[in-house]
Amino acid sequence: MKLFENPASGNCYKVRLLLHHLQLPFERVFVDVLPGTQRPPELLAHSTVGRVPLLELDDGTALGESNAILHFLAAGTPYLPDDPLARSRVLAWMFFEQNLHEPNIATRRYWTSIAPDSAPRAAQLPFWLESGERALRVMERELESSDFFGSPSYSIADIALYGYTHVAPEGGFDLEPFPRLRAWLERVREQPRHVPMSST
């Protein structure tokens, strides 16, 4: 398989992390995501929008959107429950991640530490901070009664949420007020074949 990705992207990291958990071989193809950069023709052949991550399968077909890729790869593995209700609970947290978590935490991180652009987006920074902290508080409350999200055991919901939560401080988010969340981050790091975001 071939993964079109950028090492600084939490969405791309999610896919790499699950591929390592599953011990699936893959080739990494670097894609520059900074504003104004061109996407590789090979990527655009699969995706008209040119977004990463994009996973090209062994037969040449391709799948985009990080959480859709996680769902595809996890089918039939311990990382996604077979029971429809249990699977839906995992998916609910993945939808939460894309709807309320990633748009605020990842976006603020991107515009403050990856592609700083103080002029046109400065007014949005407080909104992203407040909304991102709200998402972190929701996660902290969930962890009062569970070690993981949506399932009694580690799943792709945890992988989806870990991608940008563990680098939230790079966007100015303080994780000190969230002890359960910090303990959960450590549980994720303790999973078999875990790799850090900076790994090759």
N, C-alpha and C. Protein backbone atom coordinates (compact mmCIF):
# COMPACT_ATOMS: atom_id res chain seq x y z
N MET A 1 0.84 -1.19 0.00
CA MET A 1 0.00 0.00 0.00
C MET A 1 0.87 1.24 0.00
N LYS A 2 0.29 2.34 -0.43
CA LYS A 2 1.01 3.61 -0.52
C LYS A 2 0.19 4.67 0.21
N LEU A 3 0.83 5.35 1.16
CA LEU A 3 0.14 6.38 1.94
C LEU A 3 0.67 7.75 1.56
N PHE A 4 -0.19 8.56 0.95
CA PHE A 4 0.14 9.94 0.66
C PHE A 4 -0.15 10.74 1.93
N GLU A 5 0.87 11.41 2.46
CA GLU A 5 0.70 12.02 3.76
C GLU A 5 1.73 13.10 4.02
N ASN A 6 1.49 13.83 5.11
CA ASN A 6 2.45 14.81 5.60
C ASN A 6 2.75 14.47 7.05
N PRO A 7 4.03 14.39 7.43
CA PRO A 7 4.38 13.94 8.78
C PRO A 7 3.85 14.83 9.90
N ALA A 8 3.56 16.10 9.61
CA ALA A 8 3.07 17.02 10.64
C ALA A 8 1.56 16.93 10.84
N SER A 9 0.88 16.20 9.99
CA SER A 9 -0.58 16.11 10.05
C SER A 9 -1.03 15.02 11.02
N GLY A 10 -1.88 15.42 11.97
CA GLY A 10 -2.45 14.43 12.87
C GLY A 10 -3.38 13.47 12.16
N ASN A 11 -4.08 13.95 11.13
CA ASN A 11 -4.95 13.07 10.35
C ASN A 11 -4.15 11.98 9.65
N CYS A 12 -2.99 12.35 9.13
CA CYS A 12 -2.12 11.36 8.48
C CYS A 12 -1.52 10.41 9.52
N TYR A 13 -1.15 10.98 10.66
CA TYR A 13 -0.56 10.17 11.72
C TYR A 13 -1.50 9.09 12.21
N LYS A 14 -2.79 9.39 12.30
CA LYS A 14 -3.76 8.38 12.71
C LYS A 14 -3.64 7.13 11.86
N VAL A 15 -3.56 7.32 10.54
CA VAL A 15 -3.50 6.18 9.63
C VAL A 15 -2.19 5.43 9.80
N ARG A 16 -1.09 6.16 9.90
CA ARG A 16 0.21 5.50 10.10
C ARG A 16 0.22 4.69 11.39
N LEU A 17 -0.39 5.25 12.44
CA LEU A 17 -0.41 4.57 13.73
C LEU A 17 -1.16 3.25 13.63
N LEU A 18 -2.33 3.25 13.01
CA LEU A 18 -3.08 2.00 12.87
C LEU A 18 -2.34 1.01 11.97
N LEU A 19 -1.73 1.48 10.91
CA LEU A 19 -0.97 0.58 10.04
C LEU A 19 0.15 -0.11 10.83
N HIS A 20 0.79 0.63 11.74
CA HIS A 20 1.83 0.02 12.58
C HIS A 20 1.22 -0.96 13.57
N HIS A 21 0.09 -0.60 14.19
CA HIS A 21 -0.57 -1.53 15.10
C HIS A 21 -0.87 -2.85 14.39
N LEU A 22 -1.32 -2.76 13.15
CA LEU A 22 -1.73 -3.94 12.39
C LEU A 22 -0.56 -4.61 11.68
N GLN A 23 0.62 -4.01 11.76
CA GLN A 23 1.83 -4.53 11.12
C GLN A 23 1.63 -4.72 9.61
N LEU A 24 1.00 -3.74 9.00
CA LEU A 24 0.79 -3.78 7.55
C LEU A 24 1.88 -2.96 6.85
N PRO A 25 2.55 -3.52 5.88
CA PRO A 25 3.60 -2.77 5.18
C PRO A 25 3.00 -1.69 4.29
N PHE A 26 3.68 -0.55 4.22
CA PHE A 26 3.20 0.53 3.37
C PHE A 26 4.36 1.46 3.02
N GLU A 27 4.19 2.16 1.93
CA GLU A 27 5.16 3.15 1.47
C GLU A 27 4.61 4.54 1.76
N ARG A 28 5.46 5.41 2.28
CA ARG A 28 5.03 6.79 2.57
C ARG A 28 5.42 7.70 1.42
N VAL A 29 4.45 8.54 1.00
CA VAL A 29 4.70 9.52 -0.05
C VAL A 29 4.44 10.90 0.53
N PHE A 30 5.49 11.71 0.65
CA PHE A 30 5.38 13.02 1.26
C PHE A 30 4.58 13.98 0.38
N VAL A 31 3.65 14.71 1.01
CA VAL A 31 2.87 15.74 0.32
C VAL A 31 2.99 17.02 1.12
N ASP A 32 3.43 18.09 0.48
CA ASP A 32 3.55 19.39 1.14
C ASP A 32 2.15 20.00 1.28
N VAL A 33 1.79 20.38 2.50
CA VAL A 33 0.44 20.91 2.73
C VAL A 33 0.43 22.41 3.00
N LEU A 34 1.58 23.06 2.88
CA LEU A 34 1.61 24.50 3.12
C LEU A 34 0.85 25.24 2.04
N PRO A 35 0.27 26.38 2.37
CA PRO A 35 -0.51 27.14 1.38
C PRO A 35 0.30 27.46 0.14
N GLY A 36 -0.32 27.29 -1.02
CA GLY A 36 0.32 27.63 -2.28
C GLY A 36 1.17 26.54 -2.90
N THR A 37 1.33 25.40 -2.20
CA THR A 37 2.16 24.32 -2.74
C THR A 37 1.32 23.43 -3.66
N GLN A 38 2.00 22.79 -4.60
CA GLN A 38 1.34 21.93 -5.58
C GLN A 38 1.23 20.51 -5.05
N ARG A 39 0.14 19.85 -5.35
CA ARG A 39 -0.04 18.46 -4.98
C ARG A 39 0.53 17.56 -6.08
N PRO A 40 1.12 16.40 -5.70
CA PRO A 40 1.69 15.51 -6.71
C PRO A 40 0.62 15.01 -7.68
N PRO A 41 0.94 14.92 -8.96
CA PRO A 41 -0.03 14.41 -9.94
C PRO A 41 -0.58 13.04 -9.57
N GLU A 42 0.28 12.20 -8.96
CA GLU A 42 -0.15 10.86 -8.57
C GLU A 42 -1.28 10.93 -7.54
N LEU A 43 -1.21 11.91 -6.64
CA LEU A 43 -2.27 12.10 -5.65
C LEU A 43 -3.53 12.63 -6.33
N LEU A 44 -3.38 13.61 -7.21
CA LEU A 44 -4.53 14.21 -7.89
C LEU A 44 -5.23 13.22 -8.81
N ALA A 45 -4.52 12.20 -9.25
CA ALA A 45 -5.15 11.18 -10.08
C ALA A 45 -6.18 10.40 -9.29
N HIS A 46 -6.01 10.34 -7.97
CA HIS A 46 -6.95 9.64 -7.10
C HIS A 46 -7.96 10.58 -6.45
N SER A 47 -7.58 11.84 -6.28
CA SER A 47 -8.41 12.77 -5.52
C SER A 47 -8.38 14.15 -6.17
N THR A 48 -9.52 14.62 -6.61
CA THR A 48 -9.56 15.93 -7.26
C THR A 48 -9.28 17.06 -6.28
N VAL A 49 -9.56 16.86 -4.99
CA VAL A 49 -9.29 17.90 -4.00
C VAL A 49 -7.86 17.85 -3.49
N GLY A 50 -7.18 16.73 -3.70
CA GLY A 50 -5.78 16.63 -3.32
C GLY A 50 -5.51 16.63 -1.83
N ARG A 51 -6.47 16.13 -1.06
CA ARG A 51 -6.29 16.11 0.40
C ARG A 51 -5.54 14.87 0.86
N VAL A 52 -4.81 15.05 1.95
CA VAL A 52 -4.16 13.91 2.60
C VAL A 52 -4.75 13.77 4.01
N PRO A 53 -4.74 12.51 4.51
CA PRO A 53 -4.13 11.32 3.94
C PRO A 53 -4.98 10.71 2.83
N LEU A 54 -4.30 9.97 1.98
CA LEU A 54 -4.96 9.15 0.98
C LEU A 54 -4.19 7.83 0.91
N LEU A 55 -4.91 6.74 1.01
CA LEU A 55 -4.29 5.42 1.01
C LEU A 55 -4.59 4.73 -0.31
N GLU A 56 -3.52 4.43 -1.05
CA GLU A 56 -3.66 3.66 -2.28
C GLU A 56 -3.48 2.19 -1.94
N LEU A 57 -4.48 1.39 -2.24
CA LEU A 57 -4.45 -0.02 -1.90
C LEU A 57 -3.61 -0.80 -2.90
N ASP A 58 -3.37 -2.07 -2.59
CA ASP A 58 -2.52 -2.89 -3.45
C ASP A 58 -3.06 -3.04 -4.86
N ASP A 59 -4.39 -2.96 -5.02
CA ASP A 59 -4.97 -3.11 -6.35
C ASP A 59 -5.06 -1.79 -7.12
N GLY A 60 -4.53 -0.71 -6.53
CA GLY A 60 -4.52 0.58 -7.20
C GLY A 60 -5.68 1.49 -6.87
N THR A 61 -6.71 0.95 -6.22
CA THR A 61 -7.81 1.81 -5.79
C THR A 61 -7.34 2.64 -4.58
N ALA A 62 -8.08 3.71 -4.29
CA ALA A 62 -7.63 4.60 -3.23
C ALA A 62 -8.79 5.03 -2.36
N LEU A 63 -8.46 5.37 -1.12
CA LEU A 63 -9.46 5.82 -0.15
C LEU A 63 -8.93 7.03 0.58
N GLY A 64 -9.76 8.08 0.69
CA GLY A 64 -9.38 9.28 1.40
C GLY A 64 -10.15 9.43 2.70
N GLU A 65 -9.87 10.53 3.40
CA GLU A 65 -10.47 10.87 4.69
C GLU A 65 -9.95 9.93 5.79
N SER A 66 -9.26 10.52 6.75
CA SER A 66 -8.55 9.72 7.75
C SER A 66 -9.44 8.72 8.49
N ASN A 67 -10.60 9.16 8.95
CA ASN A 67 -11.42 8.25 9.75
C ASN A 67 -12.08 7.17 8.89
N ALA A 68 -12.36 7.47 7.62
CA ALA A 68 -12.85 6.44 6.71
C ALA A 68 -11.77 5.38 6.48
N ILE A 69 -10.52 5.82 6.37
CA ILE A 69 -9.41 4.88 6.19
C ILE A 69 -9.26 4.02 7.45
N LEU A 70 -9.35 4.64 8.63
CA LEU A 70 -9.27 3.87 9.87
C LEU A 70 -10.35 2.80 9.93
N HIS A 71 -11.58 3.18 9.58
CA HIS A 71 -12.70 2.26 9.60
C HIS A 71 -12.47 1.09 8.65
N PHE A 72 -11.96 1.39 7.47
CA PHE A 72 -11.69 0.35 6.47
C PHE A 72 -10.61 -0.62 6.98
N LEU A 73 -9.52 -0.08 7.48
CA LEU A 73 -8.40 -0.93 7.91
C LEU A 73 -8.74 -1.74 9.15
N ALA A 74 -9.58 -1.19 10.02
CA ALA A 74 -9.86 -1.85 11.30
C ALA A 74 -10.92 -2.94 11.21
N ALA A 75 -11.65 -3.00 10.10
CA ALA A 75 -12.71 -4.00 9.97
C ALA A 75 -12.15 -5.40 10.18
N GLY A 76 -12.80 -6.17 11.05
CA GLY A 76 -12.36 -7.54 11.32
C GLY A 76 -11.17 -7.64 12.26
N THR A 77 -10.79 -6.53 12.90
CA THR A 77 -9.67 -6.53 13.85
C THR A 77 -10.18 -6.12 15.22
N PRO A 78 -9.35 -6.27 16.26
CA PRO A 78 -9.79 -5.86 17.60
C PRO A 78 -9.99 -4.35 17.74
N TYR A 79 -9.59 -3.57 16.77
CA TYR A 79 -9.68 -2.11 16.87
C TYR A 79 -11.05 -1.57 16.47
N LEU A 80 -11.97 -2.45 16.02
CA LEU A 80 -13.33 -2.04 15.69
C LEU A 80 -14.29 -3.15 16.08
N PRO A 81 -15.21 -2.91 17.01
CA PRO A 81 -16.13 -3.97 17.45
C PRO A 81 -17.00 -4.49 16.31
N ASP A 82 -17.34 -5.76 16.37
CA ASP A 82 -18.24 -6.36 15.38
C ASP A 82 -19.70 -6.05 15.67
N ASP A 83 -20.05 -5.95 16.95
CA ASP A 83 -21.43 -5.68 17.34
C ASP A 83 -21.86 -4.31 16.81
N PRO A 84 -23.02 -4.22 16.14
CA PRO A 84 -23.43 -2.95 15.53
C PRO A 84 -23.53 -1.79 16.51
N LEU A 85 -24.07 -2.03 17.70
CA LEU A 85 -24.21 -0.95 18.67
C LEU A 85 -22.84 -0.50 19.18
N ALA A 86 -21.99 -1.46 19.50
CA ALA A 86 -20.65 -1.13 19.98
C ALA A 86 -19.86 -0.40 18.89
N ARG A 87 -20.01 -0.85 17.66
CA ARG A 87 -19.31 -0.19 16.55
C ARG A 87 -19.82 1.23 16.37
N SER A 88 -21.12 1.43 16.53
CA SER A 88 -21.69 2.77 16.39
C SER A 88 -21.19 3.71 17.47
N ARG A 89 -20.96 3.19 18.67
CA ARG A 89 -20.43 4.04 19.74
C ARG A 89 -19.01 4.50 19.43
N VAL A 90 -18.24 3.61 18.84
CA VAL A 90 -16.89 3.99 18.39
C VAL A 90 -16.99 5.06 17.30
N LEU A 91 -17.87 4.84 16.35
CA LEU A 91 -18.04 5.81 15.26
C LEU A 91 -18.54 7.16 15.77
N ALA A 92 -19.38 7.15 16.81
CA ALA A 92 -19.88 8.40 17.36
C ALA A 92 -18.74 9.28 17.84
N TRP A 93 -17.74 8.69 18.49
CA TRP A 93 -16.59 9.47 18.95
C TRP A 93 -15.73 9.93 17.78
N MET A 94 -15.70 9.14 16.72
CA MET A 94 -14.95 9.56 15.54
C MET A 94 -15.64 10.73 14.84
N PHE A 95 -16.97 10.74 14.85
CA PHE A 95 -17.71 11.88 14.30
C PHE A 95 -17.49 13.11 15.18
N PHE A 96 -17.50 12.91 16.50
CA PHE A 96 -17.20 14.00 17.43
C PHE A 96 -15.82 14.59 17.11
N GLU A 97 -14.87 13.73 16.86
CA GLU A 97 -13.51 14.20 16.58
C GLU A 97 -13.47 15.09 15.35
N GLN A 98 -14.16 14.69 14.31
CA GLN A 98 -14.12 15.47 13.07
C GLN A 98 -15.01 16.71 13.12
N ASN A 99 -16.03 16.68 13.95
CA ASN A 99 -16.99 17.78 13.99
C ASN A 99 -16.65 18.85 15.02
N LEU A 100 -16.22 18.46 16.21
CA LEU A 100 -16.03 19.40 17.31
C LEU A 100 -14.60 19.50 17.83
N HIS A 101 -13.79 18.51 17.55
CA HIS A 101 -12.43 18.44 18.09
C HIS A 101 -11.42 18.93 17.06
N GLU A 102 -11.28 18.22 15.98
CA GLU A 102 -10.27 18.53 14.96
C GLU A 102 -10.41 19.92 14.35
N PRO A 103 -11.63 20.40 14.02
CA PRO A 103 -11.73 21.72 13.40
C PRO A 103 -11.21 22.86 14.28
N ASN A 104 -11.15 22.64 15.58
CA ASN A 104 -10.67 23.68 16.48
C ASN A 104 -9.24 23.44 16.93
N ILE A 105 -8.95 22.26 17.43
CA ILE A 105 -7.61 21.98 17.95
C ILE A 105 -6.59 21.90 16.82
N ALA A 106 -6.91 21.15 15.78
CA ALA A 106 -5.95 21.01 14.67
C ALA A 106 -5.80 22.32 13.92
N THR A 107 -6.90 23.04 13.73
CA THR A 107 -6.82 24.29 12.96
C THR A 107 -5.99 25.33 13.69
N ARG A 108 -6.20 25.45 15.00
CA ARG A 108 -5.41 26.42 15.77
C ARG A 108 -3.93 26.03 15.76
N ARG A 109 -3.65 24.76 15.90
CA ARG A 109 -2.26 24.29 15.85
C ARG A 109 -1.64 24.62 14.50
N TYR A 110 -2.38 24.39 13.42
CA TYR A 110 -1.84 24.63 12.08
C TYR A 110 -1.47 26.09 11.89
N TRP A 111 -2.39 27.00 12.28
CA TRP A 111 -2.16 28.42 12.00
C TRP A 111 -1.27 29.11 13.03
N THR A 112 -0.93 28.41 14.12
CA THR A 112 -0.02 29.02 15.09
C THR A 112 1.39 28.41 15.04
N SER A 113 1.51 27.12 14.68
CA SER A 113 2.84 26.50 14.76
C SER A 113 3.34 25.88 13.46
N ILE A 114 2.45 25.61 12.51
CA ILE A 114 2.89 24.99 11.26
C ILE A 114 2.96 26.01 10.13
N ALA A 115 1.91 26.80 9.98
CA ALA A 115 1.87 27.83 8.94
C ALA A 115 1.38 29.13 9.56
N PRO A 116 2.20 29.74 10.43
CA PRO A 116 1.75 30.96 11.12
C PRO A 116 1.28 32.04 10.13
N ASP A 117 0.14 32.58 10.42
CA ASP A 117 -0.47 33.58 9.55
C ASP A 117 -1.28 34.50 10.45
N SER A 118 -0.60 35.46 11.07
CA SER A 118 -1.23 36.23 12.14
C SER A 118 -2.29 37.21 11.65
N ALA A 119 -2.16 37.68 10.42
CA ALA A 119 -3.04 38.76 9.99
C ALA A 119 -4.50 38.35 9.78
N PRO A 120 -4.80 37.54 8.76
CA PRO A 120 -6.22 37.29 8.49
C PRO A 120 -6.91 36.37 9.48
N ARG A 121 -6.14 35.55 10.21
CA ARG A 121 -6.79 34.56 11.07
C ARG A 121 -6.66 34.85 12.56
N ALA A 122 -6.02 35.94 12.92
CA ALA A 122 -5.81 36.25 14.34
C ALA A 122 -7.13 36.33 15.11
N ALA A 123 -8.16 36.85 14.47
CA ALA A 123 -9.45 36.99 15.14
C ALA A 123 -10.08 35.65 15.48
N GLN A 124 -9.71 34.60 14.76
CA GLN A 124 -10.29 33.28 14.98
C GLN A 124 -9.61 32.52 16.11
N LEU A 125 -8.40 32.92 16.47
CA LEU A 125 -7.63 32.13 17.44
C LEU A 125 -8.35 31.98 18.78
N PRO A 126 -8.93 33.02 19.37
CA PRO A 126 -9.65 32.83 20.64
C PRO A 126 -10.85 31.89 20.50
N PHE A 127 -11.55 31.96 19.38
CA PHE A 127 -12.70 31.07 19.16
C PHE A 127 -12.24 29.62 19.10
N TRP A 128 -11.17 29.36 18.35
CA TRP A 128 -10.66 27.99 18.26
C TRP A 128 -10.19 27.49 19.62
N LEU A 129 -9.58 28.38 20.40
CA LEU A 129 -9.11 27.98 21.73
C LEU A 129 -10.29 27.61 22.63
N GLU A 130 -11.29 28.46 22.67
CA GLU A 130 -12.46 28.20 23.51
C GLU A 130 -13.19 26.93 23.07
N SER A 131 -13.40 26.77 21.77
CA SER A 131 -14.12 25.60 21.25
C SER A 131 -13.31 24.33 21.45
N GLY A 132 -12.00 24.42 21.26
CA GLY A 132 -11.14 23.25 21.48
C GLY A 132 -11.12 22.83 22.93
N GLU A 133 -11.06 23.79 23.84
CA GLU A 133 -11.09 23.47 25.27
C GLU A 133 -12.41 22.83 25.66
N ARG A 134 -13.49 23.27 25.03
CA ARG A 134 -14.79 22.65 25.29
C ARG A 134 -14.78 21.17 24.89
N ALA A 135 -14.17 20.87 23.75
CA ALA A 135 -14.06 19.48 23.31
C ALA A 135 -13.21 18.66 24.28
N LEU A 136 -12.14 19.25 24.78
CA LEU A 136 -11.28 18.55 25.74
C LEU A 136 -12.03 18.28 27.05
N ARG A 137 -12.88 19.20 27.45
CA ARG A 137 -13.68 18.98 28.67
C ARG A 137 -14.67 17.84 28.48
N VAL A 138 -15.25 17.73 27.30
CA VAL A 138 -16.15 16.60 27.00
C VAL A 138 -15.38 15.29 27.13
N MET A 139 -14.18 15.25 26.59
CA MET A 139 -13.36 14.04 26.67
C MET A 139 -13.00 13.72 28.12
N GLU A 140 -12.65 14.74 28.89
CA GLU A 140 -12.30 14.53 30.30
C GLU A 140 -13.48 13.92 31.06
N ARG A 141 -14.69 14.40 30.80
CA ARG A 141 -15.87 13.86 31.49
C ARG A 141 -16.12 12.41 31.10
N GLU A 142 -15.95 12.08 29.83
CA GLU A 142 -16.14 10.70 29.39
C GLU A 142 -15.20 9.75 30.10
N LEU A 143 -13.99 10.21 30.34
CA LEU A 143 -12.97 9.36 30.96
C LEU A 143 -13.17 9.17 32.46
N GLU A 144 -14.19 9.82 33.03
CA GLU A 144 -14.53 9.57 34.42
C GLU A 144 -15.05 8.15 34.61
N SER A 145 -15.65 7.60 33.56
CA SER A 145 -16.28 6.28 33.68
C SER A 145 -15.71 5.24 32.71
N SER A 146 -14.69 5.61 31.96
CA SER A 146 -14.14 4.69 30.97
C SER A 146 -12.66 4.99 30.74
N ASP A 147 -11.91 3.93 30.43
CA ASP A 147 -10.49 4.12 30.12
C ASP A 147 -10.27 4.53 28.67
N PHE A 148 -11.25 4.23 27.82
CA PHE A 148 -11.12 4.52 26.40
C PHE A 148 -12.43 5.12 25.89
N PHE A 149 -12.47 5.48 24.62
CA PHE A 149 -13.63 6.18 24.06
C PHE A 149 -14.50 5.25 23.22
N GLY A 150 -15.74 5.09 23.65
CA GLY A 150 -16.71 4.33 22.87
C GLY A 150 -16.62 2.83 23.00
N SER A 151 -15.61 2.34 23.71
CA SER A 151 -15.40 0.90 23.82
C SER A 151 -14.62 0.62 25.10
N PRO A 152 -14.82 -0.55 25.72
CA PRO A 152 -14.04 -0.88 26.92
C PRO A 152 -12.54 -1.02 26.63
N SER A 153 -12.20 -1.26 25.37
CA SER A 153 -10.80 -1.44 25.01
C SER A 153 -10.40 -0.44 23.93
N TYR A 154 -9.12 -0.31 23.75
CA TYR A 154 -8.53 0.61 22.77
C TYR A 154 -9.08 0.33 21.38
N SER A 155 -9.50 1.39 20.68
CA SER A 155 -10.11 1.23 19.37
C SER A 155 -9.70 2.38 18.45
N ILE A 156 -10.25 2.38 17.25
CA ILE A 156 -9.94 3.46 16.31
C ILE A 156 -10.53 4.79 16.78
N ALA A 157 -11.48 4.78 17.69
CA ALA A 157 -11.95 6.04 18.27
C ALA A 157 -10.82 6.71 19.04
N ASP A 158 -10.06 5.92 19.79
CA ASP A 158 -8.92 6.46 20.52
C ASP A 158 -7.83 6.95 19.57
N ILE A 159 -7.59 6.19 18.52
CA ILE A 159 -6.59 6.61 17.54
C ILE A 159 -7.00 7.93 16.90
N ALA A 160 -8.27 8.05 16.54
CA ALA A 160 -8.76 9.28 15.91
C ALA A 160 -8.58 10.47 16.83
N LEU A 161 -8.92 10.31 18.11
CA LEU A 161 -8.83 11.42 19.05
C LEU A 161 -7.39 11.70 19.48
N TYR A 162 -6.57 10.68 19.52
CA TYR A 162 -5.18 10.87 19.93
C TYR A 162 -4.40 11.72 18.93
N GLY A 163 -4.73 11.58 17.65
CA GLY A 163 -3.96 12.24 16.60
C GLY A 163 -3.66 13.70 16.87
N TYR A 164 -4.69 14.46 17.26
CA TYR A 164 -4.47 15.88 17.53
C TYR A 164 -4.48 16.24 19.00
N THR A 165 -5.03 15.37 19.87
CA THR A 165 -5.02 15.69 21.30
C THR A 165 -3.60 15.72 21.84
N HIS A 166 -2.78 14.77 21.43
CA HIS A 166 -1.44 14.70 22.02
C HIS A 166 -0.53 15.84 21.58
N VAL A 167 -0.89 16.53 20.50
CA VAL A 167 -0.10 17.69 20.07
C VAL A 167 -0.87 19.00 20.29
N ALA A 168 -1.96 18.94 21.04
CA ALA A 168 -2.76 20.14 21.30
C ALA A 168 -1.93 21.27 21.91
N PRO A 169 -0.94 20.98 22.79
CA PRO A 169 -0.13 22.09 23.32
C PRO A 169 0.58 22.90 22.24
N GLU A 170 0.84 22.30 21.10
CA GLU A 170 1.47 23.04 20.00
C GLU A 170 0.53 24.11 19.45
N GLY A 171 -0.75 23.99 19.75
CA GLY A 171 -1.72 25.00 19.35
C GLY A 171 -2.11 25.93 20.49
N GLY A 172 -1.39 25.83 21.61
CA GLY A 172 -1.66 26.70 22.74
C GLY A 172 -2.66 26.16 23.74
N PHE A 173 -2.98 24.87 23.65
CA PHE A 173 -3.92 24.26 24.59
C PHE A 173 -3.16 23.68 25.78
N ASP A 174 -3.62 24.02 26.97
CA ASP A 174 -3.00 23.54 28.20
C ASP A 174 -3.71 22.27 28.66
N LEU A 175 -2.99 21.16 28.71
CA LEU A 175 -3.58 19.89 29.13
C LEU A 175 -3.46 19.64 30.63
N GLU A 176 -2.81 20.54 31.34
CA GLU A 176 -2.63 20.35 32.78
C GLU A 176 -3.95 20.22 33.53
N PRO A 177 -5.01 20.96 33.16
CA PRO A 177 -6.29 20.82 33.90
C PRO A 177 -7.05 19.54 33.59
N PHE A 178 -6.48 18.65 32.78
CA PHE A 178 -7.20 17.45 32.35
C PHE A 178 -6.43 16.19 32.75
N PRO A 179 -6.45 15.81 34.03
CA PRO A 179 -5.65 14.67 34.47
C PRO A 179 -6.07 13.34 33.85
N ARG A 180 -7.37 13.13 33.68
CA ARG A 180 -7.82 11.87 33.07
C ARG A 180 -7.40 11.80 31.61
N LEU A 181 -7.44 12.92 30.95
CA LEU A 181 -7.03 12.98 29.55
C LEU A 181 -5.53 12.68 29.42
N ARG A 182 -4.75 13.22 30.32
CA ARG A 182 -3.31 12.96 30.28
C ARG A 182 -3.00 11.49 30.58
N ALA A 183 -3.76 10.89 31.49
CA ALA A 183 -3.59 9.47 31.77
C ALA A 183 -3.98 8.63 30.56
N TRP A 184 -5.04 9.03 29.87
CA TRP A 184 -5.46 8.34 28.65
C TRP A 184 -4.38 8.43 27.57
N LEU A 185 -3.76 9.59 27.41
CA LEU A 185 -2.67 9.73 26.44
C LEU A 185 -1.56 8.73 26.73
N GLU A 186 -1.28 8.53 28.01
CA GLU A 186 -0.24 7.57 28.38
C GLU A 186 -0.69 6.15 28.06
N ARG A 187 -1.96 5.83 28.27
CA ARG A 187 -2.46 4.49 27.93
C ARG A 187 -2.34 4.23 26.43
N VAL A 188 -2.61 5.25 25.65
CA VAL A 188 -2.46 5.09 24.19
C VAL A 188 -1.01 4.82 23.84
N ARG A 189 -0.10 5.58 24.44
CA ARG A 189 1.33 5.39 24.14
C ARG A 189 1.83 4.02 24.56
N GLU A 190 1.13 3.38 25.51
CA GLU A 190 1.54 2.05 25.99
C GLU A 190 1.03 0.91 25.12
N GLN A 191 0.23 1.21 24.11
CA GLN A 191 -0.33 0.16 23.26
C GLN A 191 0.76 -0.52 22.43
N PRO A 192 0.61 -1.82 22.17
CA PRO A 192 1.61 -2.54 21.37
C PRO A 192 1.86 -1.88 20.02
N ARG A 193 3.11 -1.76 19.66
CA ARG A 193 3.57 -1.24 18.37
C ARG A 193 3.18 0.22 18.17
N HIS A 194 3.02 0.93 19.27
CA HIS A 194 2.78 2.38 19.16
C HIS A 194 4.02 3.04 18.56
N VAL A 195 3.79 4.01 17.69
CA VAL A 195 4.89 4.81 17.14
C VAL A 195 4.57 6.29 17.35
N PRO A 196 5.56 7.10 17.65
CA PRO A 196 5.32 8.53 17.81
C PRO A 196 5.06 9.20 16.47
N MET A 197 4.49 10.37 16.51
CA MET A 197 4.16 11.12 15.31
C MET A 197 5.41 11.41 14.48
N SER A 198 6.54 11.59 15.13
CA SER A 198 7.78 11.95 14.44
C SER A 198 8.51 10.76 13.86
N SER A 199 7.96 9.55 14.01
CA SER A 199 8.67 8.35 13.55
C SER A 199 8.67 8.28 12.02
N THR A 200 9.59 7.50 11.52
CA THR A 200 9.69 7.32 10.07
C THR A 200 8.86 6.13 9.64
